[in-house]
Amino acid sequence: MSTPSPEDQNSILLVSNDAHTFILRKSSVLISPAIKSMLDKKSNFEEAQFNRVVFKNMNGVVLEKVCEYFYYREKYADAVGDVPDMEIPPELALELLMVADFLCT
């Protein structure tokens, strides 16, 4: 997959340590304060210049679940009433908990 162009401010490329790539809406990804600060143009981080974040300590399976969570959270952010549970495989639970702590989500 190609990197979103710097002019495309509506999408972000997330890359795992095993080269899985996910293109997400920026509005979904900015749920994470950690990613939000990486993408802040004032930060001069490489991530902000290229709209691309590489997670060197996160594999593709975990990053895929993180991406699902971003869309899940955005979808149900203003929900009134019951929100369906997000399916979390038990074998990923601990690793996702550590990632959630890192991403502050």
PDB file of N, CA and C in Angstrom:
ATOM      1  N   MET A   1       0.829  -1.188   0.000  1.00  0.00           N
ATOM      2  CA  MET A   1       0.000   0.000   0.000  1.00  0.00           C
ATOM      3  C   MET A   1       0.865   1.240   0.000  1.00  0.00           C
ATOM      4  N   SER A   2       0.341   2.276  -0.583  1.00  0.00           N
ATOM      5  CA  SER A   2       1.096   3.518  -0.631  1.00  0.00           C
ATOM      6  C   SER A   2       0.797   4.357   0.608  1.00  0.00           C
ATOM      7  N   THR A   3       1.712   5.246   0.901  1.00  0.00           N
ATOM      8  CA  THR A   3       1.555   6.153   2.019  1.00  0.00           C
ATOM      9  C   THR A   3       0.586   7.252   1.618  1.00  0.00           C
ATOM     10  N   PRO A   4      -0.355   7.618   2.504  1.00  0.00           N
ATOM     11  CA  PRO A   4      -1.211   8.747   2.168  1.00  0.00           C
ATOM     12  C   PRO A   4      -0.348   9.981   1.944  1.00  0.00           C
ATOM     13  N   SER A   5      -0.721  10.788   0.993  1.00  0.00           N
ATOM     14  CA  SER A   5       0.065  11.982   0.720  1.00  0.00           C
ATOM     15  C   SER A   5      -0.114  12.984   1.856  1.00  0.00           C
ATOM     16  N   PRO A   6       0.886  13.830   2.085  1.00  0.00           N
ATOM     17  CA  PRO A   6       0.762  14.841   3.140  1.00  0.00           C
ATOM     18  C   PRO A   6      -0.432  15.758   2.930  1.00  0.00           C
ATOM     19  N   GLU A   7      -0.878  15.895   1.683  1.00  0.00           N
ATOM     20  CA  GLU A   7      -2.030  16.737   1.402  1.00  0.00           C
ATOM     21  C   GLU A   7      -3.333  16.078   1.835  1.00  0.00           C
ATOM     22  N   ASP A   8      -3.327  14.752   1.928  1.00  0.00           N
ATOM     23  CA  ASP A   8      -4.517  14.019   2.344  1.00  0.00           C
ATOM     24  C   ASP A   8      -4.584  14.036   3.859  1.00  0.00           C
ATOM     25  N   GLN A   9      -5.229  15.026   4.391  1.00  0.00           N
ATOM     26  CA  GLN A   9      -5.270  15.199   5.842  1.00  0.00           C
ATOM     27  C   GLN A   9      -6.390  14.402   6.495  1.00  0.00           C
ATOM     28  N   ASN A  10      -7.136  13.625   5.712  1.00  0.00           N
ATOM     29  CA  ASN A  10      -8.263  12.880   6.258  1.00  0.00           C
ATOM     30  C   ASN A  10      -7.953  11.419   6.534  1.00  0.00           C
ATOM     31  N   SER A  11      -6.766  10.935   6.182  1.00  0.00           N
ATOM     32  CA  SER A  11      -6.433   9.536   6.429  1.00  0.00           C
ATOM     33  C   SER A  11      -5.026   9.413   7.006  1.00  0.00           C
ATOM     34  N   ILE A  12      -4.860   8.342   7.775  1.00  0.00           N
ATOM     35  CA  ILE A  12      -3.600   8.054   8.451  1.00  0.00           C
ATOM     36  C   ILE A  12      -3.233   6.618   8.150  1.00  0.00           C
ATOM     37  N   LEU A  13      -1.960   6.391   7.914  1.00  0.00           N
ATOM     38  CA  LEU A  13      -1.456   5.041   7.689  1.00  0.00           C
ATOM     39  C   LEU A  13      -0.816   4.548   8.981  1.00  0.00           C
ATOM     40  N   LEU A  14      -1.312   3.408   9.479  1.00  0.00           N
ATOM     41  CA  LEU A  14      -0.726   2.779  10.659  1.00  0.00           C
ATOM     42  C   LEU A  14      -0.026   1.512  10.194  1.00  0.00           C
ATOM     43  N   VAL A  15       1.207   1.307  10.665  1.00  0.00           N
ATOM     44  CA  VAL A  15       2.029   0.184  10.216  1.00  0.00           C
ATOM     45  C   VAL A  15       2.503  -0.607  11.429  1.00  0.00           C
ATOM     46  N   SER A  16       2.352  -1.927  11.352  1.00  0.00           N
ATOM     47  CA  SER A  16       2.792  -2.806  12.441  1.00  0.00           C
ATOM     48  C   SER A  16       4.247  -3.197  12.246  1.00  0.00           C
ATOM     49  N   ASN A  17       4.802  -3.875  13.254  1.00  0.00           N
ATOM     50  CA  ASN A  17       6.205  -4.299  13.172  1.00  0.00           C
ATOM     51  C   ASN A  17       6.423  -5.432  12.172  1.00  0.00           C
ATOM     52  N   ASP A  18       5.341  -6.067  11.719  1.00  0.00           N
ATOM     53  CA  ASP A  18       5.460  -7.101  10.692  1.00  0.00           C
ATOM     54  C   ASP A  18       4.897  -6.626   9.353  1.00  0.00           C
ATOM     55  N   ALA A  19       4.906  -5.302   9.165  1.00  0.00           N
ATOM     56  CA  ALA A  19       4.596  -4.629   7.898  1.00  0.00           C
ATOM     57  C   ALA A  19       3.141  -4.695   7.454  1.00  0.00           C
ATOM     58  N   HIS A  20       2.208  -5.003   8.357  1.00  0.00           N
ATOM     59  CA  HIS A  20       0.796  -4.883   8.012  1.00  0.00           C
ATOM     60  C   HIS A  20       0.442  -3.403   8.062  1.00  0.00           C
ATOM     61  N   THR A  21      -0.290  -2.951   7.071  1.00  0.00           N
ATOM     62  CA  THR A  21      -0.644  -1.538   7.012  1.00  0.00           C
ATOM     63  C   THR A  21      -2.155  -1.361   7.031  1.00  0.00           C
ATOM     64  N   PHE A  22      -2.574  -0.301   7.687  1.00  0.00           N
ATOM     65  CA  PHE A  22      -3.995   0.009   7.815  1.00  0.00           C
ATOM     66  C   PHE A  22      -4.162   1.500   7.545  1.00  0.00           C
ATOM     67  N   ILE A  23      -5.074   1.832   6.647  1.00  0.00           N
ATOM     68  CA  ILE A  23      -5.385   3.233   6.381  1.00  0.00           C
ATOM     69  C   ILE A  23      -6.712   3.527   7.066  1.00  0.00           C
ATOM     70  N   LEU A  24      -6.687   4.494   7.967  1.00  0.00           N
ATOM     71  CA  LEU A  24      -7.871   4.844   8.741  1.00  0.00           C
ATOM     72  C   LEU A  24      -8.199   6.314   8.585  1.00  0.00           C
ATOM     73  N   ARG A  25      -9.462   6.630   8.867  1.00  0.00           N
ATOM     74  CA  ARG A  25      -9.855   8.034   8.912  1.00  0.00           C
ATOM     75  C   ARG A  25      -9.141   8.711  10.075  1.00  0.00           C
ATOM     76  N   LYS A  26      -8.650   9.885   9.851  1.00  0.00           N
ATOM     77  CA  LYS A  26      -7.935  10.616  10.888  1.00  0.00           C
ATOM     78  C   LYS A  26      -8.838  10.863  12.093  1.00  0.00           C
ATOM     79  N   SER A  27     -10.106  11.119  11.845  1.00  0.00           N
ATOM     80  CA  SER A  27     -11.028  11.382  12.949  1.00  0.00           C
ATOM     81  C   SER A  27     -11.110  10.199  13.914  1.00  0.00           C
ATOM     82  N   SER A  28     -10.968   8.989  13.405  1.00  0.00           N
ATOM     83  CA  SER A  28     -11.010   7.794  14.258  1.00  0.00           C
ATOM     84  C   SER A  28      -9.727   7.640  15.063  1.00  0.00           C
ATOM     85  N   VAL A  29      -8.616   7.872  14.427  1.00  0.00           N
ATOM     86  CA  VAL A  29      -7.306   7.662  15.061  1.00  0.00           C
ATOM     87  C   VAL A  29      -7.037   8.686  16.156  1.00  0.00           C
ATOM     88  N   LEU A  30      -7.566   9.884  16.005  1.00  0.00           N
ATOM     89  CA  LEU A  30      -7.292  10.948  16.978  1.00  0.00           C
ATOM     90  C   LEU A  30      -7.967  10.725  18.319  1.00  0.00           C
ATOM     91  N   ILE A  31      -8.664   9.601  18.473  1.00  0.00           N
ATOM     92  CA  ILE A  31      -9.195   9.203  19.780  1.00  0.00           C
ATOM     93  C   ILE A  31      -8.034   9.022  20.756  1.00  0.00           C
ATOM     94  N   SER A  32      -6.900   8.589  20.237  1.00  0.00           N
ATOM     95  CA  SER A  32      -5.721   8.350  21.072  1.00  0.00           C
ATOM     96  C   SER A  32      -4.925   9.634  21.252  1.00  0.00           C
ATOM     97  N   PRO A  33      -4.787  10.114  22.505  1.00  0.00           N
ATOM     98  CA  PRO A  33      -3.963  11.300  22.736  1.00  0.00           C
ATOM     99  C   PRO A  33      -2.504  11.097  22.313  1.00  0.00           C
ATOM    100  N   ALA A  34      -2.000   9.871  22.441  1.00  0.00           N
ATOM    101  CA  ALA A  34      -0.612   9.605  22.048  1.00  0.00           C
ATOM    102  C   ALA A  34      -0.438   9.795  20.542  1.00  0.00           C
ATOM    103  N   ILE A  35      -1.339   9.229  19.769  1.00  0.00           N
ATOM    104  CA  ILE A  35      -1.247   9.380  18.312  1.00  0.00           C
ATOM    105  C   ILE A  35      -1.537  10.823  17.924  1.00  0.00           C
ATOM    106  N   LYS A  36      -2.487  11.437  18.605  1.00  0.00           N
ATOM    107  CA  LYS A  36      -2.816  12.836  18.313  1.00  0.00           C
ATOM    108  C   LYS A  36      -1.588  13.732  18.464  1.00  0.00           C
ATOM    109  N   SER A  37      -0.802  13.501  19.510  1.00  0.00           N
ATOM    110  CA  SER A  37       0.395  14.330  19.693  1.00  0.00           C
ATOM    111  C   SER A  37       1.455  14.016  18.638  1.00  0.00           C
ATOM    112  N   MET A  38       1.546  12.751  18.215  1.00  0.00           N
ATOM    113  CA  MET A  38       2.496  12.405  17.145  1.00  0.00           C
ATOM    114  C   MET A  38       2.142  13.096  15.837  1.00  0.00           C
ATOM    115  N   LEU A  39       0.844  13.289  15.601  1.00  0.00           N
ATOM    116  CA  LEU A  39       0.378  13.854  14.333  1.00  0.00           C
ATOM    117  C   LEU A  39       0.224  15.369  14.365  1.00  0.00           C
ATOM    118  N   ASP A  40       0.513  15.968  15.504  1.00  0.00           N
ATOM    119  CA  ASP A  40       0.421  17.423  15.624  1.00  0.00           C
ATOM    120  C   ASP A  40       1.511  18.064  14.762  1.00  0.00           C
ATOM    121  N   LYS A  41       1.110  18.915  13.855  1.00  0.00           N
ATOM    122  CA  LYS A  41       2.061  19.560  12.928  1.00  0.00           C
ATOM    123  C   LYS A  41       3.123  20.371  13.674  1.00  0.00           C
ATOM    124  N   LYS A  42       2.805  20.870  14.852  1.00  0.00           N
ATOM    125  CA  LYS A  42       3.766  21.660  15.629  1.00  0.00           C
ATOM    126  C   LYS A  42       4.867  20.796  16.237  1.00  0.00           C
ATOM    127  N   SER A  43       4.644  19.501  16.292  1.00  0.00           N
ATOM    128  CA  SER A  43       5.600  18.603  16.947  1.00  0.00           C
ATOM    129  C   SER A  43       6.858  18.353  16.116  1.00  0.00           C
ATOM    130  N   ASN A  44       6.757  18.552  14.813  1.00  0.00           N
ATOM    131  CA  ASN A  44       7.852  18.258  13.887  1.00  0.00           C
ATOM    132  C   ASN A  44       8.249  16.786  13.872  1.00  0.00           C
ATOM    133  N   PHE A  45       7.355  15.913  14.353  1.00  0.00           N
ATOM    134  CA  PHE A  45       7.608  14.480  14.260  1.00  0.00           C
ATOM    135  C   PHE A  45       7.438  14.041  12.813  1.00  0.00           C
ATOM    136  N   GLU A  46       8.170  13.027  12.440  1.00  0.00           N
ATOM    137  CA  GLU A  46       8.056  12.450  11.103  1.00  0.00           C
ATOM    138  C   GLU A  46       6.625  11.988  10.832  1.00  0.00           C
ATOM    139  N   GLU A  47       5.964  11.472  11.852  1.00  0.00           N
ATOM    140  CA  GLU A  47       4.584  10.998  11.706  1.00  0.00           C
ATOM    141  C   GLU A  47       3.667  12.111  11.218  1.00  0.00           C
ATOM    142  N   ALA A  48       3.875  13.313  11.722  1.00  0.00           N
ATOM    143  CA  ALA A  48       3.040  14.448  11.330  1.00  0.00           C
ATOM    144  C   ALA A  48       3.300  14.861   9.886  1.00  0.00           C
ATOM    145  N   GLN A  49       4.525  14.717   9.443  1.00  0.00           N
ATOM    146  CA  GLN A  49       4.863  15.113   8.077  1.00  0.00           C
ATOM    147  C   GLN A  49       4.283  14.165   7.035  1.00  0.00           C
ATOM    148  N   PHE A  50       4.251  12.866   7.373  1.00  0.00           N
ATOM    149  CA  PHE A  50       3.858  11.860   6.384  1.00  0.00           C
ATOM    150  C   PHE A  50       2.524  11.179   6.675  1.00  0.00           C
ATOM    151  N   ASN A  51       1.821  11.582   7.728  1.00  0.00           N
ATOM    152  CA  ASN A  51       0.558  10.941   8.112  1.00  0.00           C
ATOM    153  C   ASN A  51       0.717   9.435   8.205  1.00  0.00           C
ATOM    154  N   ARG A  52       1.811   9.009   8.809  1.00  0.00           N
ATOM    155  CA  ARG A  52       2.150   7.581   8.895  1.00  0.00           C
ATOM    156  C   ARG A  52       2.773   7.316  10.265  1.00  0.00           C
ATOM    157  N   VAL A  53       2.216   6.316  10.967  1.00  0.00           N
ATOM    158  CA  VAL A  53       2.732   5.953  12.290  1.00  0.00           C
ATOM    159  C   VAL A  53       3.144   4.488  12.242  1.00  0.00           C
ATOM    160  N   VAL A  54       4.404   4.224  12.576  1.00  0.00           N
ATOM    161  CA  VAL A  54       4.930   2.856  12.610  1.00  0.00           C
ATOM    162  C   VAL A  54       5.039   2.433  14.069  1.00  0.00           C
ATOM    163  N   PHE A  55       4.423   1.300  14.386  1.00  0.00           N
ATOM    164  CA  PHE A  55       4.467   0.755  15.742  1.00  0.00           C
ATOM    165  C   PHE A  55       5.458  -0.396  15.756  1.00  0.00           C
ATOM    166  N   LYS A  56       6.650  -0.133  16.243  1.00  0.00           N
ATOM    167  CA  LYS A  56       7.725  -1.135  16.227  1.00  0.00           C
ATOM    168  C   LYS A  56       7.508  -2.251  17.243  1.00  0.00           C
ATOM    169  N   ASN A  57       6.615  -2.045  18.199  1.00  0.00           N
ATOM    170  CA  ASN A  57       6.369  -3.060  19.223  1.00  0.00           C
ATOM    171  C   ASN A  57       4.962  -3.644  19.133  1.00  0.00           C
ATOM    172  N   MET A  58       4.309  -3.516  17.978  1.00  0.00           N
ATOM    173  CA  MET A  58       2.945  -4.007  17.836  1.00  0.00           C
ATOM    174  C   MET A  58       2.820  -4.810  16.553  1.00  0.00           C
ATOM    175  N   ASN A  59       2.373  -6.058  16.669  1.00  0.00           N
ATOM    176  CA  ASN A  59       2.213  -6.878  15.463  1.00  0.00           C
ATOM    177  C   ASN A  59       0.885  -6.576  14.764  1.00  0.00           C
ATOM    178  N   GLY A  60       0.738  -7.111  13.580  1.00  0.00           N
ATOM    179  CA  GLY A  60      -0.424  -6.832  12.748  1.00  0.00           C
ATOM    180  C   GLY A  60      -1.744  -7.274  13.343  1.00  0.00           C
ATOM    181  N   VAL A  61      -1.756  -8.404  14.039  1.00  0.00           N
ATOM    182  CA  VAL A  61      -2.993  -8.907  14.655  1.00  0.00           C
ATOM    183  C   VAL A  61      -3.486  -7.929  15.721  1.00  0.00           C
ATOM    184  N   VAL A  62      -2.575  -7.460  16.541  1.00  0.00           N
ATOM    185  CA  VAL A  62      -2.935  -6.521  17.604  1.00  0.00           C
ATOM    186  C   VAL A  62      -3.324  -5.169  17.003  1.00  0.00           C
ATOM    187  N   LEU A  63      -2.558  -4.692  16.043  1.00  0.00           N
ATOM    188  CA  LEU A  63      -2.880  -3.405  15.429  1.00  0.00           C
ATOM    189  C   LEU A  63      -4.228  -3.445  14.721  1.00  0.00           C
ATOM    190  N   GLU A  64      -4.553  -4.565  14.116  1.00  0.00           N
ATOM    191  CA  GLU A  64      -5.868  -4.690  13.481  1.00  0.00           C
ATOM    192  C   GLU A  64      -6.983  -4.526  14.509  1.00  0.00           C
ATOM    193  N   LYS A  65      -6.819  -5.124  15.670  1.00  0.00           N
ATOM    194  CA  LYS A  65      -7.833  -5.008  16.727  1.00  0.00           C
ATOM    195  C   LYS A  65      -7.890  -3.575  17.251  1.00  0.00           C
ATOM    196  N   VAL A  66      -6.752  -2.911  17.328  1.00  0.00           N
ATOM    197  CA  VAL A  66      -6.721  -1.500  17.734  1.00  0.00           C
ATOM    198  C   VAL A  66      -7.497  -0.658  16.719  1.00  0.00           C
ATOM    199  N   CYS A  67      -7.290  -0.915  15.442  1.00  0.00           N
ATOM    200  CA  CYS A  67      -8.016  -0.188  14.390  1.00  0.00           C
ATOM    201  C   CYS A  67      -9.516  -0.438  14.498  1.00  0.00           C
ATOM    202  N   GLU A  68      -9.896  -1.672  14.749  1.00  0.00           N
ATOM    203  CA  GLU A  68     -11.311  -1.989  14.951  1.00  0.00           C
ATOM    204  C   GLU A  68     -11.869  -1.184  16.117  1.00  0.00           C
ATOM    205  N   TYR A  69     -11.086  -1.091  17.186  1.00  0.00           N
ATOM    206  CA  TYR A  69     -11.531  -0.330  18.350  1.00  0.00           C
ATOM    207  C   TYR A  69     -11.715   1.145  18.018  1.00  0.00           C
ATOM    208  N   PHE A  70     -10.807   1.725  17.258  1.00  0.00           N
ATOM    209  CA  PHE A  70     -10.951   3.134  16.890  1.00  0.00           C
ATOM    210  C   PHE A  70     -12.291   3.370  16.191  1.00  0.00           C
ATOM    211  N   TYR A  71     -12.640   2.522  15.236  1.00  0.00           N
ATOM    212  CA  TYR A  71     -13.907   2.677  14.524  1.00  0.00           C
ATOM    213  C   TYR A  71     -15.099   2.364  15.430  1.00  0.00           C
ATOM    214  N   TYR A  72     -14.958   1.365  16.285  1.00  0.00           N
ATOM    215  CA  TYR A  72     -16.006   1.016  17.242  1.00  0.00           C
ATOM    216  C   TYR A  72     -16.290   2.207  18.158  1.00  0.00           C
ATOM    217  N   ARG A  73     -15.243   2.799  18.694  1.00  0.00           N
ATOM    218  CA  ARG A  73     -15.406   3.930  19.618  1.00  0.00           C
ATOM    219  C   ARG A  73     -16.023   5.129  18.919  1.00  0.00           C
ATOM    220  N   GLU A  74     -15.591   5.387  17.699  1.00  0.00           N
ATOM    221  CA  GLU A  74     -16.163   6.513  16.957  1.00  0.00           C
ATOM    222  C   GLU A  74     -17.643   6.263  16.652  1.00  0.00           C
ATOM    223  N   LYS A  75     -17.968   5.049  16.277  1.00  0.00           N
ATOM    224  CA  LYS A  75     -19.351   4.699  15.921  1.00  0.00           C
ATOM    225  C   LYS A  75     -20.295   4.857  17.106  1.00  0.00           C
ATOM    226  N   TYR A  76     -19.853   4.434  18.286  1.00  0.00           N
ATOM    227  CA  TYR A  76     -20.727   4.436  19.450  1.00  0.00           C
ATOM    228  C   TYR A  76     -20.466   5.581  20.425  1.00  0.00           C
ATOM    229  N   ALA A  77     -19.690   6.567  20.020  1.00  0.00           N
ATOM    230  CA  ALA A  77     -19.327   7.669  20.924  1.00  0.00           C
ATOM    231  C   ALA A  77     -20.556   8.395  21.477  1.00  0.00           C
ATOM    232  N   ASP A  78     -21.552   8.603  20.648  1.00  0.00           N
ATOM    233  CA  ASP A  78     -22.740   9.346  21.074  1.00  0.00           C
ATOM    234  C   ASP A  78     -23.950   8.448  21.269  1.00  0.00           C
ATOM    235  N   ALA A  79     -23.709   7.159  21.414  1.00  0.00           N
ATOM    236  CA  ALA A  79     -24.811   6.206  21.538  1.00  0.00           C
ATOM    237  C   ALA A  79     -25.556   6.406  22.856  1.00  0.00           C
ATOM    238  N   VAL A  80     -26.858   6.299  22.757  1.00  0.00           N
ATOM    239  CA  VAL A  80     -27.714   6.351  23.929  1.00  0.00           C
ATOM    240  C   VAL A  80     -28.291   4.949  24.088  1.00  0.00           C
ATOM    241  N   GLY A  81     -28.173   4.404  25.271  1.00  0.00           N
ATOM    242  CA  GLY A  81     -28.688   3.058  25.491  1.00  0.00           C
ATOM    243  C   GLY A  81     -27.584   2.023  25.431  1.00  0.00           C
ATOM    244  N   ASP A  82     -27.977   0.809  25.108  1.00  0.00           N
ATOM    245  CA  ASP A  82     -27.036  -0.303  25.097  1.00  0.00           C
ATOM    246  C   ASP A  82     -26.078  -0.233  23.912  1.00  0.00           C
ATOM    247  N   VAL A  83     -24.829  -0.434  24.205  1.00  0.00           N
ATOM    248  CA  VAL A  83     -23.783  -0.515  23.180  1.00  0.00           C
ATOM    249  C   VAL A  83     -23.305  -1.961  23.156  1.00  0.00           C
ATOM    250  N   PRO A  84     -23.253  -2.575  21.981  1.00  0.00           N
ATOM    251  CA  PRO A  84     -22.805  -3.972  21.941  1.00  0.00           C
ATOM    252  C   PRO A  84     -21.342  -4.089  22.379  1.00  0.00           C
ATOM    253  N   ASP A  85     -21.046  -5.213  23.010  1.00  0.00           N
ATOM    254  CA  ASP A  85     -19.667  -5.473  23.419  1.00  0.00           C
ATOM    255  C   ASP A  85     -18.797  -5.676  22.191  1.00  0.00           C
ATOM    256  N   MET A  86     -17.575  -5.208  22.290  1.00  0.00           N
ATOM    257  CA  MET A  86     -16.602  -5.473  21.237  1.00  0.00           C
ATOM    258  C   MET A  86     -15.947  -6.805  21.549  1.00  0.00           C
ATOM    259  N   GLU A  87     -15.864  -7.648  20.548  1.00  0.00           N
ATOM    260  CA  GLU A  87     -15.278  -8.966  20.744  1.00  0.00           C
ATOM    261  C   GLU A  87     -13.755  -8.850  20.896  1.00  0.00           C
ATOM    262  N   ILE A  88     -13.242  -9.358  22.000  1.00  0.00           N
ATOM    263  CA  ILE A  88     -11.803  -9.367  22.264  1.00  0.00           C
ATOM    264  C   ILE A  88     -11.391 -10.826  22.466  1.00  0.00           C
ATOM    265  N   PRO A  89     -10.562 -11.371  21.587  1.00  0.00           N
ATOM    266  CA  PRO A  89     -10.089 -12.739  21.802  1.00  0.00           C
ATOM    267  C   PRO A  89      -9.284 -12.814  23.104  1.00  0.00           C
ATOM    268  N   PRO A  90      -9.558 -13.812  23.944  1.00  0.00           N
ATOM    269  CA  PRO A  90      -8.856 -13.908  25.232  1.00  0.00           C
ATOM    270  C   PRO A  90      -7.336 -13.926  25.088  1.00  0.00           C
ATOM    271  N   GLU A  91      -6.832 -14.515  24.020  1.00  0.00           N
ATOM    272  CA  GLU A  91      -5.378 -14.597  23.851  1.00  0.00           C
ATOM    273  C   GLU A  91      -4.742 -13.236  23.545  1.00  0.00           C
ATOM    274  N   LEU A  92      -5.565 -12.243  23.185  1.00  0.00           N
ATOM    275  CA  LEU A  92      -5.042 -10.899  22.907  1.00  0.00           C
ATOM    276  C   LEU A  92      -5.287  -9.920  24.053  1.00  0.00           C
ATOM    277  N   ALA A  93      -6.058 -10.330  25.037  1.00  0.00           N
ATOM    278  CA  ALA A  93      -6.511  -9.401  26.072  1.00  0.00           C
ATOM    279  C   ALA A  93      -5.366  -8.683  26.786  1.00  0.00           C
ATOM    280  N   LEU A  94      -4.372  -9.405  27.239  1.00  0.00           N
ATOM    281  CA  LEU A  94      -3.273  -8.777  27.978  1.00  0.00           C
ATOM    282  C   LEU A  94      -2.478  -7.820  27.094  1.00  0.00           C
ATOM    283  N   GLU A  95      -2.174  -8.258  25.889  1.00  0.00           N
ATOM    284  CA  GLU A  95      -1.408  -7.398  24.984  1.00  0.00           C
ATOM    285  C   GLU A  95      -2.201  -6.142  24.615  1.00  0.00           C
ATOM    286  N   LEU A  96      -3.509  -6.289  24.399  1.00  0.00           N
ATOM    287  CA  LEU A  96      -4.345  -5.130  24.088  1.00  0.00           C
ATOM    288  C   LEU A  96      -4.446  -4.174  25.273  1.00  0.00           C
ATOM    289  N   LEU A  97      -4.430  -4.708  26.463  1.00  0.00           N
ATOM    290  CA  LEU A  97      -4.451  -3.861  27.650  1.00  0.00           C
ATOM    291  C   LEU A  97      -3.184  -3.009  27.727  1.00  0.00           C
ATOM    292  N   MET A  98      -2.048  -3.602  27.425  1.00  0.00           N
ATOM    293  CA  MET A  98      -0.787  -2.851  27.433  1.00  0.00           C
ATOM    294  C   MET A  98      -0.768  -1.792  26.315  1.00  0.00           C
ATOM    295  N   VAL A  99      -1.295  -2.131  25.149  1.00  0.00           N
ATOM    296  CA  VAL A  99      -1.364  -1.183  24.037  1.00  0.00           C
ATOM    297  C   VAL A  99      -2.315  -0.040  24.386  1.00  0.00           C
ATOM    298  N   ALA A 100      -3.450  -0.355  25.003  1.00  0.00           N
ATOM    299  CA  ALA A 100      -4.401   0.667  25.394  1.00  0.00           C
ATOM    300  C   ALA A 100      -3.751   1.655  26.374  1.00  0.00           C
ATOM    301  N   ASP A 101      -2.938   1.138  27.271  1.00  0.00           N
ATOM    302  CA  ASP A 101      -2.227   2.013  28.208  1.00  0.00           C
ATOM    303  C   ASP A 101      -1.266   2.932  27.461  1.00  0.00           C
ATOM    304  N   PHE A 102      -0.528   2.379  26.518  1.00  0.00           N
ATOM    305  CA  PHE A 102       0.413   3.172  25.722  1.00  0.00           C
ATOM    306  C   PHE A 102      -0.298   4.242  24.906  1.00  0.00           C
ATOM    307  N   LEU A 103      -1.425   3.883  24.297  1.00  0.00           N
ATOM    308  CA  LEU A 103      -2.158   4.814  23.443  1.00  0.00           C
ATOM    309  C   LEU A 103      -3.098   5.728  24.226  1.00  0.00           C
ATOM    310  N   CYS A 104      -3.219   5.459  25.531  1.00  0.00           N
ATOM    311  CA  CYS A 104      -4.089   6.266  26.399  1.00  0.00           C
ATOM    312  C   CYS A 104      -5.542   6.230  25.937  1.00  0.00           C
ATOM    313  N   THR A 105      -6.000   5.044  25.523  1.00  0.00           N
ATOM    314  CA  THR A 105      -7.386   4.938  25.054  1.00  0.00           C
ATOM    315  C   THR A 105      -8.254   4.234  26.060  1.00  0.00           C
TER     316      THR A 105
END
